[in-house]
């Protein structure tokens, strides 16, 4: 979030907003981690022969995690691009409206 977005708010509201955003980001991170663990475990571990993963399971989990994290990073980059494009479009619309006045 851009700090300039909170400029018009009183300090108390800014602090509440920042705390709420931090909380949402933490929940999102935990949700992503849990999805990663569940998906990779379910895809890679088929039996409970031992308390440790065998080399094949370990390799599978590693590949699964790498793939998941690369995908998440790619989605984040794409989301940021779309967000920047939407913001630029909104700014352009505001400028056009101001010019029409």
C-alpha atoms as a PDB file:
ATOM      1  CA  UNK A   1       0.000   0.000   0.000  1.00  0.00           C
ATOM      2  CA  UNK A   2       1.199   3.448  -0.844  1.00  0.00           C
ATOM      3  CA  UNK A   3       1.541   5.656   2.279  1.00  0.00           C
ATOM      4  CA  UNK A   4       0.222   8.592   0.238  1.00  0.00           C
ATOM      5  CA  UNK A   5      -3.135   6.785   0.079  1.00  0.00           C
ATOM      6  CA  UNK A   6      -3.580   7.430   3.822  1.00  0.00           C
ATOM      7  CA  UNK A   7      -2.671  11.132   3.794  1.00  0.00           C
ATOM      8  CA  UNK A   8      -6.146  12.470   4.494  1.00  0.00           C
ATOM      9  CA  UNK A   9      -6.811  10.216   7.469  1.00  0.00           C
ATOM     10  CA  UNK A  10      -6.297  11.126  11.117  1.00  0.00           C
ATOM     11  CA  UNK A  11      -3.266   9.461  12.738  1.00  0.00           C
ATOM     12  CA  UNK A  12      -5.389   7.032  14.760  1.00  0.00           C
ATOM     13  CA  UNK A  13      -7.196   5.838  11.622  1.00  0.00           C
ATOM     14  CA  UNK A  14      -3.879   5.479   9.783  1.00  0.00           C
ATOM     15  CA  UNK A  15      -2.567   3.234  12.560  1.00  0.00           C
ATOM     16  CA  UNK A  16      -5.741   1.131  12.503  1.00  0.00           C
ATOM     17  CA  UNK A  17      -5.557   0.808   8.724  1.00  0.00           C
ATOM     18  CA  UNK A  18      -1.881  -0.206   8.788  1.00  0.00           C
ATOM     19  CA  UNK A  19      -2.577  -2.764  11.548  1.00  0.00           C
ATOM     20  CA  UNK A  20      -5.517  -4.175   9.593  1.00  0.00           C
ATOM     21  CA  UNK A  21      -3.429  -4.457   6.407  1.00  0.00           C
ATOM     22  CA  UNK A  22      -0.575  -6.121   8.323  1.00  0.00           C
ATOM     23  CA  UNK A  23      -3.055  -8.602   9.781  1.00  0.00           C
ATOM     24  CA  UNK A  24      -4.505  -9.365   6.342  1.00  0.00           C
ATOM     25  CA  UNK A  25      -1.023  -9.889   4.903  1.00  0.00           C
ATOM     26  CA  UNK A  26      -0.105 -12.248   7.744  1.00  0.00           C
ATOM     27  CA  UNK A  27      -3.281 -14.283   7.245  1.00  0.00           C
ATOM     28  CA  UNK A  28      -2.654 -14.417   3.497  1.00  0.00           C
ATOM     29  CA  UNK A  29       0.926 -15.598   4.042  1.00  0.00           C
ATOM     30  CA  UNK A  30      -0.219 -18.326   6.427  1.00  0.00           C
ATOM     31  CA  UNK A  31      -2.983 -19.382   4.039  1.00  0.00           C
ATOM     32  CA  UNK A  32      -0.486 -19.639   1.175  1.00  0.00           C
ATOM     33  CA  UNK A  33       1.968 -21.615   3.322  1.00  0.00           C
ATOM     34  CA  UNK A  34      -0.762 -24.017   4.434  1.00  0.00           C
ATOM     35  CA  UNK A  35      -1.926 -24.557   0.840  1.00  0.00           C
ATOM     36  CA  UNK A  36       1.666 -25.226  -0.200  1.00  0.00           C
ATOM     37  CA  UNK A  37       2.236 -27.771   2.559  1.00  0.00           C
ATOM     38  CA  UNK A  38      -1.074 -29.535   1.975  1.00  0.00           C
ATOM     39  CA  UNK A  39      -0.716 -29.669  -1.819  1.00  0.00           C
ATOM     40  CA  UNK A  40       2.886 -30.859  -1.856  1.00  0.00           C
ATOM     41  CA  UNK A  41       2.356 -33.364   0.948  1.00  0.00           C
ATOM     42  CA  UNK A  42      -0.717 -34.857  -0.726  1.00  0.00           C
ATOM     43  CA  UNK A  43       1.026 -35.044  -4.115  1.00  0.00           C
ATOM     44  CA  UNK A  44       4.331 -36.450  -2.902  1.00  0.00           C
ATOM     45  CA  UNK A  45       3.810 -38.573   0.196  1.00  0.00           C
ATOM     46  CA  UNK A  46       1.899 -41.759  -0.456  1.00  0.00           C
ATOM     47  CA  UNK A  47       2.797 -43.919   2.507  1.00  0.00           C
ATOM     48  CA  UNK A  48       3.963 -43.615   6.066  1.00  0.00           C
ATOM     49  CA  UNK A  49       6.701 -46.224   6.103  1.00  0.00           C
ATOM     50  CA  UNK A  50       9.065 -44.076   8.153  1.00  0.00           C
ATOM     51  CA  UNK A  51       9.045 -40.850  10.071  1.00  0.00           C
ATOM     52  CA  UNK A  52      11.395 -39.258   7.483  1.00  0.00           C
ATOM     53  CA  UNK A  53      10.778 -38.739   3.787  1.00  0.00           C
ATOM     54  CA  UNK A  54      12.629 -41.030   1.417  1.00  0.00           C
ATOM     55  CA  UNK A  55      14.779 -39.442  -1.292  1.00  0.00           C
ATOM     56  CA  UNK A  56      12.055 -39.655  -3.958  1.00  0.00           C
ATOM     57  CA  UNK A  57       9.470 -38.012  -1.709  1.00  0.00           C
ATOM     58  CA  UNK A  58      11.945 -35.337  -0.690  1.00  0.00           C
ATOM     59  CA  UNK A  59      12.775 -34.584  -4.331  1.00  0.00           C
ATOM     60  CA  UNK A  60       9.081 -34.399  -5.173  1.00  0.00           C
ATOM     61  CA  UNK A  61       8.342 -32.034  -2.275  1.00  0.00           C
ATOM     62  CA  UNK A  62      11.271 -29.803  -3.257  1.00  0.00           C
ATOM     63  CA  UNK A  63      10.113 -29.599  -6.881  1.00  0.00           C
ATOM     64  CA  UNK A  64       6.528 -29.002  -5.813  1.00  0.00           C
ATOM     65  CA  UNK A  65       7.529 -26.162  -3.477  1.00  0.00           C
ATOM     66  CA  UNK A  66       9.738 -24.542  -6.099  1.00  0.00           C
ATOM     67  CA  UNK A  67       6.975 -24.751  -8.690  1.00  0.00           C
ATOM     68  CA  UNK A  68       4.375 -23.342  -6.292  1.00  0.00           C
ATOM     69  CA  UNK A  69       6.616 -20.442  -5.240  1.00  0.00           C
ATOM     70  CA  UNK A  70       7.552 -19.590  -8.840  1.00  0.00           C
ATOM     71  CA  UNK A  71       3.885 -19.592  -9.779  1.00  0.00           C
ATOM     72  CA  UNK A  72       3.001 -17.381  -6.808  1.00  0.00           C
ATOM     73  CA  UNK A  73       5.759 -14.929  -7.723  1.00  0.00           C
ATOM     74  CA  UNK A  74       4.560 -14.816 -11.328  1.00  0.00           C
ATOM     75  CA  UNK A  75       0.982 -14.169 -10.197  1.00  0.00           C
ATOM     76  CA  UNK A  76       2.187 -11.398  -7.858  1.00  0.00           C
ATOM     77  CA  UNK A  77       4.116  -9.698 -10.658  1.00  0.00           C
ATOM     78  CA  UNK A  78       1.138  -9.928 -13.001  1.00  0.00           C
ATOM     79  CA  UNK A  79      -1.195  -8.580 -10.320  1.00  0.00           C
ATOM     80  CA  UNK A  80       1.153  -5.636  -9.715  1.00  0.00           C
ATOM     81  CA  UNK A  81       1.222  -4.919 -13.458  1.00  0.00           C
ATOM     82  CA  UNK A  82      -2.566  -4.984 -13.670  1.00  0.00           C
ATOM     83  CA  UNK A  83      -2.865  -2.829 -10.570  1.00  0.00           C
ATOM     84  CA  UNK A  84      -0.432  -0.260 -11.988  1.00  0.00           C
ATOM     85  CA  UNK A  85      -2.339  -0.230 -15.275  1.00  0.00           C
ATOM     86  CA  UNK A  86      -5.656   0.294 -13.507  1.00  0.00           C
ATOM     87  CA  UNK A  87      -4.167   3.094 -11.416  1.00  0.00           C
ATOM     88  CA  UNK A  88      -2.778   4.809 -14.520  1.00  0.00           C
ATOM     89  CA  UNK A  89      -6.145   4.488 -16.247  1.00  0.00           C
ATOM     90  CA  UNK A  90      -7.937   6.027 -13.255  1.00  0.00           C
ATOM     91  CA  UNK A  91      -5.484   8.922 -13.172  1.00  0.00           C
ATOM     92  CA  UNK A  92      -6.035   9.486 -16.879  1.00  0.00           C
ATOM     93  CA  UNK A  93      -9.811   9.534 -16.371  1.00  0.00           C
ATOM     94  CA  UNK A  94      -9.458  12.065 -13.549  1.00  0.00           C
ATOM     95  CA  UNK A  95      -7.316  14.296 -15.774  1.00  0.00           C
ATOM     96  CA  UNK A  96      -9.854  14.053 -18.587  1.00  0.00           C
ATOM     97  CA  UNK A  97     -12.680  14.975 -16.225  1.00  0.00           C
ATOM     98  CA  UNK A  98     -10.706  17.951 -14.935  1.00  0.00           C
ATOM     99  CA  UNK A  99     -10.009  19.131 -18.483  1.00  0.00           C
ATOM    100  CA  UNK A 100     -13.701  18.960 -19.367  1.00  0.00           C
ATOM    101  CA  UNK A 101     -14.574  21.385 -16.573  1.00  0.00           C
END
